[in-house]
Amino acid sequence: MAIDMRQGLMAGFGAYLIWGLLPLYLKLLVGVPAADVLAHRIIWSLLVMAMVTTVSAGWGRFRAALARPRLLALLLGSSVFITCNWLIYTWAILDDHVLDASLGYFINPLISVVFGVVLLGERLSRLQWLAVSCALSGVVVLTVAHGELPVTSLALALSFALYGLIRKQAQVDAVTGLLMETLIIAPVALVWLLTRPSGGFALPMPMLLLLAAGGVLTAVPLLMFGIAARRLKLSTLGLMQYLSPSLVFLLAVFVFHEALDVWRLVAFACIWLGLAIYSLSLTRR
């Protein structure tokens, strides 16, 4: 196995492990509005990334990146999609929709596979197309059973798949890329917090420390994901993501005790089958 691929696999595994356990952290913030949590995550992530850039002597790379208009445009797009993803996910966890969040991230790997085919020219076998069809069947089951599309799940899946797609095109190292992404969205986050009626920073010190910890928990896995995205095929990266929703699913059912009705279980089963088929197809190559 090539060194780059091994590093990509390790970075991807670490990122998805942290994301899978993130609901445990977010549940500690119940009572704080999701938008406030998001704004704090952005501000503290920017500070963390500035420190990482300083330690890694990366300010030269940052200045060079600022002179590349195409890169700036790509990172503007990726920052928009990751911000949307953070907001939806934070709201879902705080509002007891952890299973919906889990479903979204189960769907995401197969959406990433489709993006790889349609937009990047990657080819799929018949087994892999069958895997994608199974995931689509799961969405259809939920839509018919509940009378509406699983909007939260689909929004999470699409926003993160689009983030991964754009991030793969951005020719920039993980540290510089994430610093620029957080810098792009930080002004909006800061204005939001400063204009909150109750004061975005007027919270008890323990809560502020918890929110500050979100900067580390946000920056570290995204750094790992950025490394993985540059070293792995989009389809491989998408497949690895089963780890995160599996952990979130287990937390939703066994820790947070969310209801798992029959139709939702059928939908999950369809998506799990799709992931299993896709995994099998990779072993046959």
Foldseek 3Di string as FASTA:
>chain_A
DDPLQVLLVVLLLVLLVLLLCCLVLLLVLQPDQLLLLLLLLLVLLLVVLVVVCVVVVNVVLLVVQVVDVVLLVLLQLLLVLVSQLSSLCSCCSSVLNLLLQLLLLLLQLLVLVVCCCPPVVDDDDPLLVLLNVLLVVLQVLCCVVVVHGSVSSVSNNVSVSSSLVSLLVNPGALSSSSSSSSVVCNVVSVVVQCPDPCHSCPDPPVSSVSSSVSSVSVNSSSNSNSSSSNRDRSSVSSLSNNSSSVSSNCCSCPPVNDDQDPSNVSSVVSSVVSSVSVVVRVVVD
